[in-house]
Amino acid sequence: MSLYFFHIDDGQAHRDEDGRELPNLTEARRQAADLAGHMLADGTGGFWDGRPWSVRVADGAGLALFELHLTAINAPATMGSKAEIYQKPLG
C-alpha cells in the first residue's frame, strides 16, 4: 500500500493533508475520477460557472503523479430563452 494525496485547485488551492492508502496507481486514478465525479454531481468547485479546476495526485514524497483538468463551457443555447435563440442567425 502507498500513500496518495488528492489536491484540488478550484481557483483556491486545497491541499490534502491526510492522503489515502491505496494499493497502486491504477486505484489512485480511479479514486481521482470518483472524486471529480462527486464534485461535479454536488456542484462544488465552480465547474459549471466556467472556471477551470483540477485534481492533482501526489505520492507520499510529494511527487505529482498525474492531474485531471476540468472545465465546462456552456453552449449558447443555454444562455437565453428559446425564442431568442431561434431568432439569432446561424453561422
PDB file of N, CA and C in Angstrom:
ATOM      1  N   MET A   1       0.841  -1.183   0.000  1.00  0.00           N
ATOM      2  CA  MET A   1       0.000   0.000   0.000  1.00  0.00           C
ATOM      3  C   MET A   1       0.883   1.242   0.000  1.00  0.00           C
ATOM      4  N   SER A   2       0.441   2.237  -0.749  1.00  0.00           N
ATOM      5  CA  SER A   2       1.160   3.511  -0.819  1.00  0.00           C
ATOM      6  C   SER A   2       0.210   4.646  -0.466  1.00  0.00           C
ATOM      7  N   LEU A   3       0.792   5.746  -0.051  1.00  0.00           N
ATOM      8  CA  LEU A   3       0.008   6.912   0.331  1.00  0.00           C
ATOM      9  C   LEU A   3      -0.106   7.854  -0.866  1.00  0.00           C
ATOM     10  N   TYR A   4      -1.347   8.270  -1.174  1.00  0.00           N
ATOM     11  CA  TYR A   4      -1.628   9.193  -2.275  1.00  0.00           C
ATOM     12  C   TYR A   4      -2.387  10.390  -1.728  1.00  0.00           C
ATOM     13  N   PHE A   5      -2.018  11.593  -2.231  1.00  0.00           N
ATOM     14  CA  PHE A   5      -2.660  12.830  -1.818  1.00  0.00           C
ATOM     15  C   PHE A   5      -3.430  13.411  -2.998  1.00  0.00           C
ATOM     16  N   PHE A   6      -4.650  13.867  -2.732  1.00  0.00           N
ATOM     17  CA  PHE A   6      -5.549  14.375  -3.763  1.00  0.00           C
ATOM     18  C   PHE A   6      -5.765  15.873  -3.524  1.00  0.00           C
ATOM     19  N   HIS A   7      -4.965  16.692  -4.202  1.00  0.00           N
ATOM     20  CA  HIS A   7      -5.012  18.141  -4.050  1.00  0.00           C
ATOM     21  C   HIS A   7      -5.982  18.726  -5.083  1.00  0.00           C
ATOM     22  N   ILE A   8      -6.820  19.654  -4.645  1.00  0.00           N
ATOM     23  CA  ILE A   8      -7.823  20.252  -5.518  1.00  0.00           C
ATOM     24  C   ILE A   8      -7.513  21.732  -5.691  1.00  0.00           C
ATOM     25  N   ASP A   9      -7.604  22.214  -6.932  1.00  0.00           N
ATOM     26  CA  ASP A   9      -7.463  23.638  -7.216  1.00  0.00           C
ATOM     27  C   ASP A   9      -8.688  24.079  -7.986  1.00  0.00           C
ATOM     28  N   ASP A  10      -9.543  24.860  -7.322  1.00  0.00           N
ATOM     29  CA  ASP A  10     -10.764  25.376  -7.956  1.00  0.00           C
ATOM     30  C   ASP A  10     -10.737  26.907  -7.959  1.00  0.00           C
ATOM     31  N   GLY A  11      -9.536  27.452  -8.142  1.00  0.00           N
ATOM     32  CA  GLY A  11      -9.331  28.880  -8.009  1.00  0.00           C
ATOM     33  C   GLY A  11      -8.655  29.179  -6.680  1.00  0.00           C
ATOM     34  N   GLN A  12      -8.796  28.255  -5.772  1.00  0.00           N
ATOM     35  CA  GLN A  12      -8.091  28.256  -4.495  1.00  0.00           C
ATOM     36  C   GLN A  12      -7.473  26.875  -4.326  1.00  0.00           C
ATOM     37  N   ALA A  13      -6.295  26.837  -3.766  1.00  0.00           N
ATOM     38  CA  ALA A  13      -5.614  25.557  -3.557  1.00  0.00           C
ATOM     39  C   ALA A  13      -6.126  24.902  -2.275  1.00  0.00           C
ATOM     40  N   HIS A  14      -6.536  23.648  -2.404  1.00  0.00           N
ATOM     41  CA  HIS A  14      -6.984  22.843  -1.267  1.00  0.00           C
ATOM     42  C   HIS A  14      -6.063  21.626  -1.190  1.00  0.00           C
ATOM     43  N   ARG A  15      -5.146  21.660  -0.245  1.00  0.00           N
ATOM     44  CA  ARG A  15      -4.198  20.556  -0.099  1.00  0.00           C
ATOM     45  C   ARG A  15      -4.797  19.439   0.747  1.00  0.00           C
ATOM     46  N   ASP A  16      -4.609  18.239   0.277  1.00  0.00           N
ATOM     47  CA  ASP A  16      -4.987  17.047   1.030  1.00  0.00           C
ATOM     48  C   ASP A  16      -3.855  16.764   2.014  1.00  0.00           C
ATOM     49  N   GLU A  17      -4.093  17.014   3.273  1.00  0.00           N
ATOM     50  CA  GLU A  17      -3.051  16.839   4.288  1.00  0.00           C
ATOM     51  C   GLU A  17      -2.988  15.405   4.828  1.00  0.00           C
ATOM     52  N   ASP A  18      -4.059  14.630   4.593  1.00  0.00           N
ATOM     53  CA  ASP A  18      -4.125  13.283   5.164  1.00  0.00           C
ATOM     54  C   ASP A  18      -3.723  12.192   4.183  1.00  0.00           C
ATOM     55  N   GLY A  19      -4.140  12.306   2.952  1.00  0.00           N
ATOM     56  CA  GLY A  19      -3.863  11.280   1.958  1.00  0.00           C
ATOM     57  C   GLY A  19      -4.702  10.034   2.174  1.00  0.00           C
ATOM     58  N   ARG A  20      -4.530   9.084   1.253  1.00  0.00           N
ATOM     59  CA  ARG A  20      -5.238   7.801   1.321  1.00  0.00           C
ATOM     60  C   ARG A  20      -4.261   6.687   1.002  1.00  0.00           C
ATOM     61  N   GLU A  21      -4.346   5.631   1.772  1.00  0.00           N
ATOM     62  CA  GLU A  21      -3.552   4.432   1.493  1.00  0.00           C
ATOM     63  C   GLU A  21      -4.274   3.643   0.404  1.00  0.00           C
ATOM     64  N   LEU A  22      -3.581   3.419  -0.707  1.00  0.00           N
ATOM     65  CA  LEU A  22      -4.169   2.680  -1.825  1.00  0.00           C
ATOM     66  C   LEU A  22      -3.161   1.656  -2.331  1.00  0.00           C
ATOM     67  N   PRO A  23      -3.653   0.596  -2.964  1.00  0.00           N
ATOM     68  CA  PRO A  23      -2.744  -0.475  -3.383  1.00  0.00           C
ATOM     69  C   PRO A  23      -1.830  -0.129  -4.556  1.00  0.00           C
ATOM     70  N   ASN A  24      -2.281   0.800  -5.455  1.00  0.00           N
ATOM     71  CA  ASN A  24      -1.473   1.073  -6.641  1.00  0.00           C
ATOM     72  C   ASN A  24      -1.953   2.339  -7.358  1.00  0.00           C
ATOM     73  N   LEU A  25      -1.220   2.732  -8.389  1.00  0.00           N
ATOM     74  CA  LEU A  25      -1.526   3.925  -9.170  1.00  0.00           C
ATOM     75  C   LEU A  25      -2.861   3.804  -9.896  1.00  0.00           C
ATOM     76  N   THR A  26      -3.193   2.606 -10.345  1.00  0.00           N
ATOM     77  CA  THR A  26      -4.481   2.393 -11.024  1.00  0.00           C
ATOM     78  C   THR A  26      -5.634   2.749 -10.094  1.00  0.00           C
ATOM     79  N   GLU A  27      -5.548   2.341  -8.847  1.00  0.00           N
ATOM     80  CA  GLU A  27      -6.598   2.668  -7.883  1.00  0.00           C
ATOM     81  C   GLU A  27      -6.598   4.160  -7.567  1.00  0.00           C
ATOM     82  N   ALA A  28      -5.439   4.789  -7.537  1.00  0.00           N
ATOM     83  CA  ALA A  28      -5.368   6.240  -7.313  1.00  0.00           C
ATOM     84  C   ALA A  28      -6.060   6.981  -8.458  1.00  0.00           C
ATOM     85  N   ARG A  29      -5.882   6.512  -9.680  1.00  0.00           N
ATOM     86  CA  ARG A  29      -6.566   7.130 -10.835  1.00  0.00           C
ATOM     87  C   ARG A  29      -8.077   6.964 -10.708  1.00  0.00           C
ATOM     88  N   ARG A  30      -8.510   5.784 -10.294  1.00  0.00           N
ATOM     89  CA  ARG A  30      -9.942   5.547 -10.108  1.00  0.00           C
ATOM     90  C   ARG A  30     -10.511   6.458  -9.025  1.00  0.00           C
ATOM     91  N   GLN A  31      -9.781   6.585  -7.930  1.00  0.00           N
ATOM     92  CA  GLN A  31     -10.231   7.447  -6.832  1.00  0.00           C
ATOM     93  C   GLN A  31     -10.291   8.917  -7.260  1.00  0.00           C
ATOM     94  N   ALA A  32      -9.329   9.367  -8.063  1.00  0.00           N
ATOM     95  CA  ALA A  32      -9.335  10.748  -8.553  1.00  0.00           C
ATOM     96  C   ALA A  32     -10.550  10.993  -9.445  1.00  0.00           C
ATOM     97  N   ALA A  33     -10.864  10.038 -10.314  1.00  0.00           N
ATOM     98  CA  ALA A  33     -12.040  10.170 -11.180  1.00  0.00           C
ATOM     99  C   ALA A  33     -13.319  10.167 -10.349  1.00  0.00           C
ATOM    100  N   ASP A  34     -13.384   9.312  -9.339  1.00  0.00           N
ATOM    101  CA  ASP A  34     -14.544   9.291  -8.436  1.00  0.00           C
ATOM    102  C   ASP A  34     -14.704  10.624  -7.712  1.00  0.00           C
ATOM    103  N   LEU A  35     -13.612  11.155  -7.207  1.00  0.00           N
ATOM    104  CA  LEU A  35     -13.646  12.434  -6.501  1.00  0.00           C
ATOM    105  C   LEU A  35     -14.155  13.537  -7.421  1.00  0.00           C
ATOM    106  N   ALA A  36     -13.624  13.596  -8.634  1.00  0.00           N
ATOM    107  CA  ALA A  36     -14.066  14.609  -9.594  1.00  0.00           C
ATOM    108  C   ALA A  36     -15.549  14.425  -9.917  1.00  0.00           C
ATOM    109  N   GLY A  37     -15.975  13.185 -10.102  1.00  0.00           N
ATOM    110  CA  GLY A  37     -17.385  12.913 -10.399  1.00  0.00           C
ATOM    111  C   GLY A  37     -18.307  13.358  -9.275  1.00  0.00           C
ATOM    112  N   HIS A  38     -17.910  13.097  -8.039  1.00  0.00           N
ATOM    113  CA  HIS A  38     -18.723  13.528  -6.897  1.00  0.00           C
ATOM    114  C   HIS A  38     -18.774  15.051  -6.799  1.00  0.00           C
ATOM    115  N   MET A  39     -17.656  15.702  -7.069  1.00  0.00           N
ATOM    116  CA  MET A  39     -17.639  17.163  -7.029  1.00  0.00           C
ATOM    117  C   MET A  39     -18.535  17.745  -8.117  1.00  0.00           C
ATOM    118  N   LEU A  40     -18.521  17.147  -9.292  1.00  0.00           N
ATOM    119  CA  LEU A  40     -19.397  17.607 -10.376  1.00  0.00           C
ATOM    120  C   LEU A  40     -20.855  17.420 -10.004  1.00  0.00           C
ATOM    121  N   ALA A  41     -21.177  16.263  -9.468  1.00  0.00           N
ATOM    122  CA  ALA A  41     -22.565  15.959  -9.097  1.00  0.00           C
ATOM    123  C   ALA A  41     -23.059  16.869  -7.980  1.00  0.00           C
ATOM    124  N   ASP A  42     -22.166  17.226  -7.057  1.00  0.00           N
ATOM    125  CA  ASP A  42     -22.532  18.093  -5.932  1.00  0.00           C
ATOM    126  C   ASP A  42     -22.553  19.563  -6.318  1.00  0.00           C
ATOM    127  N   GLY A  43     -21.993  19.892  -7.495  1.00  0.00           N
ATOM    128  CA  GLY A  43     -21.940  21.288  -7.917  1.00  0.00           C
ATOM    129  C   GLY A  43     -20.850  22.087  -7.234  1.00  0.00           C
ATOM    130  N   THR A  44     -19.903  21.414  -6.599  1.00  0.00           N
ATOM    131  CA  THR A  44     -18.813  22.119  -5.927  1.00  0.00           C
ATOM    132  C   THR A  44     -17.667  22.373  -6.897  1.00  0.00           C
ATOM    133  N   GLY A  45     -16.798  23.266  -6.542  1.00  0.00           N
ATOM    134  CA  GLY A  45     -15.596  23.500  -7.330  1.00  0.00           C
ATOM    135  C   GLY A  45     -15.751  24.523  -8.431  1.00  0.00           C
ATOM    136  N   GLY A  46     -16.914  25.146  -8.587  1.00  0.00           N
ATOM    137  CA  GLY A  46     -17.070  26.176  -9.601  1.00  0.00           C
ATOM    138  C   GLY A  46     -17.052  25.667 -11.031  1.00  0.00           C
ATOM    139  N   PHE A  47     -17.126  24.382 -11.211  1.00  0.00           N
ATOM    140  CA  PHE A  47     -17.026  23.786 -12.547  1.00  0.00           C
ATOM    141  C   PHE A  47     -18.061  24.341 -13.511  1.00  0.00           C
ATOM    142  N   TRP A  48     -19.311  24.448 -13.101  1.00  0.00           N
ATOM    143  CA  TRP A  48     -20.386  24.832 -14.016  1.00  0.00           C
ATOM    144  C   TRP A  48     -20.432  26.324 -14.307  1.00  0.00           C
ATOM    145  N   ASP A  49     -19.630  27.128 -13.624  1.00  0.00           N
ATOM    146  CA  ASP A  49     -19.604  28.534 -13.995  1.00  0.00           C
ATOM    147  C   ASP A  49     -18.360  28.878 -14.818  1.00  0.00           C
ATOM    148  N   GLY A  50     -17.770  27.874 -15.444  1.00  0.00           N
ATOM    149  CA  GLY A  50     -16.718  28.087 -16.426  1.00  0.00           C
ATOM    150  C   GLY A  50     -15.307  28.195 -15.889  1.00  0.00           C
ATOM    151  N   ARG A  51     -15.145  28.169 -14.580  1.00  0.00           N
ATOM    152  CA  ARG A  51     -13.791  28.241 -14.029  1.00  0.00           C
ATOM    153  C   ARG A  51     -13.122  26.873 -14.113  1.00  0.00           C
ATOM    154  N   PRO A  52     -11.924  26.805 -14.661  1.00  0.00           N
ATOM    155  CA  PRO A  52     -11.223  25.520 -14.692  1.00  0.00           C
ATOM    156  C   PRO A  52     -10.804  25.107 -13.287  1.00  0.00           C
ATOM    157  N   TRP A  53     -10.788  23.813 -13.047  1.00  0.00           N
ATOM    158  CA  TRP A  53     -10.258  23.305 -11.791  1.00  0.00           C
ATOM    159  C   TRP A  53      -9.590  21.971 -12.041  1.00  0.00           C
ATOM    160  N   SER A  54      -8.831  21.543 -11.050  1.00  0.00           N
ATOM    161  CA  SER A  54      -8.054  20.320 -11.252  1.00  0.00           C
ATOM    162  C   SER A  54      -7.954  19.517  -9.967  1.00  0.00           C
ATOM    163  N   VAL A  55      -7.688  18.247 -10.161  1.00  0.00           N
ATOM    164  CA  VAL A  55      -7.335  17.333  -9.077  1.00  0.00           C
ATOM    165  C   VAL A  55      -5.927  16.844  -9.403  1.00  0.00           C
ATOM    166  N   ARG A  56      -4.978  17.142  -8.532  1.00  0.00           N
ATOM    167  CA  ARG A  56      -3.597  16.698  -8.708  1.00  0.00           C
ATOM    168  C   ARG A  56      -3.313  15.629  -7.670  1.00  0.00           C
ATOM    169  N   VAL A  57      -2.787  14.516  -8.122  1.00  0.00           N
ATOM    170  CA  VAL A  57      -2.483  13.405  -7.222  1.00  0.00           C
ATOM    171  C   VAL A  57      -0.962  13.296  -7.073  1.00  0.00           C
ATOM    172  N   ALA A  58      -0.542  13.267  -5.812  1.00  0.00           N
ATOM    173  CA  ALA A  58       0.885  13.170  -5.495  1.00  0.00           C
ATOM    174  C   ALA A  58       1.125  11.952  -4.611  1.00  0.00           C
ATOM    175  N   ASP A  59       2.353  11.467  -4.650  1.00  0.00           N
ATOM    176  CA  ASP A  59       2.705  10.333  -3.787  1.00  0.00           C
ATOM    177  C   ASP A  59       3.145  10.837  -2.417  1.00  0.00           C
ATOM    178  N   GLY A  60       3.531   9.922  -1.556  1.00  0.00           N
ATOM    179  CA  GLY A  60       3.921  10.255  -0.194  1.00  0.00           C
ATOM    180  C   GLY A  60       5.123  11.177  -0.102  1.00  0.00           C
ATOM    181  N   ALA A  61       5.966  11.208  -1.137  1.00  0.00           N
ATOM    182  CA  ALA A  61       7.134  12.092  -1.161  1.00  0.00           C
ATOM    183  C   ALA A  61       6.805  13.462  -1.740  1.00  0.00           C
ATOM    184  N   GLY A  62       5.535  13.655  -2.160  1.00  0.00           N
ATOM    185  CA  GLY A  62       5.121  14.931  -2.743  1.00  0.00           C
ATOM    186  C   GLY A  62       5.286  15.022  -4.242  1.00  0.00           C
ATOM    187  N   LEU A  63       5.718  13.943  -4.882  1.00  0.00           N
ATOM    188  CA  LEU A  63       5.895  13.926  -6.334  1.00  0.00           C
ATOM    189  C   LEU A  63       4.535  13.867  -7.019  1.00  0.00           C
ATOM    190  N   ALA A  64       4.236  14.843  -7.886  1.00  0.00           N
ATOM    191  CA  ALA A  64       2.980  14.842  -8.637  1.00  0.00           C
ATOM    192  C   ALA A  64       2.996  13.677  -9.628  1.00  0.00           C
ATOM    193  N   LEU A  65       1.951  12.849  -9.572  1.00  0.00           N
ATOM    194  CA  LEU A  65       1.865  11.666 -10.427  1.00  0.00           C
ATOM    195  C   LEU A  65       0.998  11.895 -11.650  1.00  0.00           C
ATOM    196  N   PHE A  66      -0.106  12.624 -11.474  1.00  0.00           N
ATOM    197  CA  PHE A  66      -0.981  12.971 -12.592  1.00  0.00           C
ATOM    198  C   PHE A  66      -1.965  14.034 -12.143  1.00  0.00           C
ATOM    199  N   GLU A  67      -2.640  14.660 -13.135  1.00  0.00           N
ATOM    200  CA  GLU A  67      -3.655  15.672 -12.853  1.00  0.00           C
ATOM    201  C   GLU A  67      -4.857  15.449 -13.755  1.00  0.00           C
ATOM    202  N   LEU A  68      -6.014  15.755 -13.216  1.00  0.00           N
ATOM    203  CA  LEU A  68      -7.240  15.828 -14.004  1.00  0.00           C
ATOM    204  C   LEU A  68      -7.585  17.310 -14.121  1.00  0.00           C
ATOM    205  N   HIS A  69      -7.809  17.801 -15.333  1.00  0.00           N
ATOM    206  CA  HIS A  69      -8.205  19.192 -15.557  1.00  0.00           C
ATOM    207  C   HIS A  69      -9.627  19.200 -16.087  1.00  0.00           C
ATOM    208  N   LEU A  70     -10.479  20.003 -15.481  1.00  0.00           N
ATOM    209  CA  LEU A  70     -11.881  20.038 -15.865  1.00  0.00           C
ATOM    210  C   LEU A  70     -12.356  21.474 -16.052  1.00  0.00           C
ATOM    211  N   THR A  71     -13.112  21.681 -17.131  1.00  0.00           N
ATOM    212  CA  THR A  71     -13.714  22.975 -17.404  1.00  0.00           C
ATOM    213  C   THR A  71     -15.024  22.728 -18.148  1.00  0.00           C
ATOM    214  N   ALA A  72     -16.046  23.459 -17.779  1.00  0.00           N
ATOM    215  CA  ALA A  72     -17.325  23.383 -18.501  1.00  0.00           C
ATOM    216  C   ALA A  72     -17.477  24.648 -19.323  1.00  0.00           C
ATOM    217  N   ILE A  73     -17.981  24.483 -20.535  1.00  0.00           N
ATOM    218  CA  ILE A  73     -18.266  25.621 -21.399  1.00  0.00           C
ATOM    219  C   ILE A  73     -19.725  25.513 -21.813  1.00  0.00           C
ATOM    220  N   ASN A  74     -20.522  26.484 -21.405  1.00  0.00           N
ATOM    221  CA  ASN A  74     -21.941  26.476 -21.745  1.00  0.00           C
ATOM    222  C   ASN A  74     -22.140  26.821 -23.212  1.00  0.00           C
ATOM    223  N   ALA A  75     -23.031  26.087 -23.856  1.00  0.00           N
ATOM    224  CA  ALA A  75     -23.392  26.367 -25.243  1.00  0.00           C
ATOM    225  C   ALA A  75     -24.316  27.579 -25.280  1.00  0.00           C
ATOM    226  N   PRO A  76     -24.341  28.316 -26.391  1.00  0.00           N
ATOM    227  CA  PRO A  76     -25.224  29.476 -26.492  1.00  0.00           C
ATOM    228  C   PRO A  76     -26.691  29.141 -26.223  1.00  0.00           C
ATOM    229  N   ALA A  77     -27.105  27.927 -26.515  1.00  0.00           N
ATOM    230  CA  ALA A  77     -28.498  27.533 -26.303  1.00  0.00           C
ATOM    231  C   ALA A  77     -28.903  27.600 -24.838  1.00  0.00           C
ATOM    232  N   THR A  78     -27.937  27.584 -23.937  1.00  0.00           N
ATOM    233  CA  THR A  78     -28.255  27.645 -22.507  1.00  0.00           C
ATOM    234  C   THR A  78     -28.213  29.068 -21.969  1.00  0.00           C
ATOM    235  N   MET A  79     -27.935  30.019 -22.834  1.00  0.00           N
ATOM    236  CA  MET A  79     -27.734  31.395 -22.387  1.00  0.00           C
ATOM    237  C   MET A  79     -28.969  32.286 -22.481  1.00  0.00           C
ATOM    238  N   GLY A  80     -30.050  31.822 -23.076  1.00  0.00           N
ATOM    239  CA  GLY A  80     -31.232  32.672 -23.220  1.00  0.00           C
ATOM    240  C   GLY A  80     -32.463  31.843 -23.483  1.00  0.00           C
ATOM    241  N   SER A  81     -33.568  32.529 -23.702  1.00  0.00           N
ATOM    242  CA  SER A  81     -34.814  31.818 -23.965  1.00  0.00           C
ATOM    243  C   SER A  81     -34.783  31.208 -25.358  1.00  0.00           C
ATOM    244  N   LYS A  82     -35.641  30.221 -25.577  1.00  0.00           N
ATOM    245  CA  LYS A  82     -35.701  29.569 -26.891  1.00  0.00           C
ATOM    246  C   LYS A  82     -36.077  30.562 -27.974  1.00  0.00           C
ATOM    247  N   ALA A  83     -36.980  31.476 -27.671  1.00  0.00           N
ATOM    248  CA  ALA A  83     -37.397  32.469 -28.668  1.00  0.00           C
ATOM    249  C   ALA A  83     -36.198  33.300 -29.118  1.00  0.00           C
ATOM    250  N   GLU A  84     -35.364  33.711 -28.179  1.00  0.00           N
ATOM    251  CA  GLU A  84     -34.178  34.493 -28.525  1.00  0.00           C
ATOM    252  C   GLU A  84     -33.204  33.687 -29.358  1.00  0.00           C
ATOM    253  N   ILE A  85     -33.033  32.428 -29.011  1.00  0.00           N
ATOM    254  CA  ILE A  85     -32.082  31.571 -29.715  1.00  0.00           C
ATOM    255  C   ILE A  85     -32.522  31.349 -31.150  1.00  0.00           C
ATOM    256  N   TYR A  86     -33.814  31.066 -31.373  1.00  0.00           N
ATOM    257  CA  TYR A  86     -34.300  30.783 -32.715  1.00  0.00           C
ATOM    258  C   TYR A  86     -34.297  32.032 -33.592  1.00  0.00           C
ATOM    259  N   GLN A  87     -34.285  33.203 -33.021  1.00  0.00           N
ATOM    260  CA  GLN A  87     -34.276  34.431 -33.802  1.00  0.00           C
ATOM    261  C   GLN A  87     -32.880  34.842 -34.210  1.00  0.00           C
ATOM    262  N   LYS A  88     -31.867  34.259 -33.607  1.00  0.00           N
ATOM    263  CA  LYS A  88     -30.497  34.620 -33.936  1.00  0.00           C
ATOM    264  C   LYS A  88     -30.072  33.888 -35.215  1.00  0.00           C
ATOM    265  N   PRO A  89     -29.396  34.582 -36.119  1.00  0.00           N
ATOM    266  CA  PRO A  89     -28.936  33.924 -37.346  1.00  0.00           C
ATOM    267  C   PRO A  89     -27.858  32.890 -37.044  1.00  0.00           C
ATOM    268  N   LEU A  90     -27.845  31.817 -37.799  1.00  0.00           N
ATOM    269  CA  LEU A  90     -26.807  30.779 -37.670  1.00  0.00           C
ATOM    270  C   LEU A  90     -25.556  31.225 -38.401  1.00  0.00           C
ATOM    271  N   GLY A  91     -24.429  30.775 -37.909  1.00  0.00           N
ATOM    272  CA  GLY A  91     -23.182  30.983 -38.596  1.00  0.00           C
ATOM    273  C   GLY A  91     -22.583  32.273 -38.306  1.00  0.00           C
TER     274      GLY A  91
END
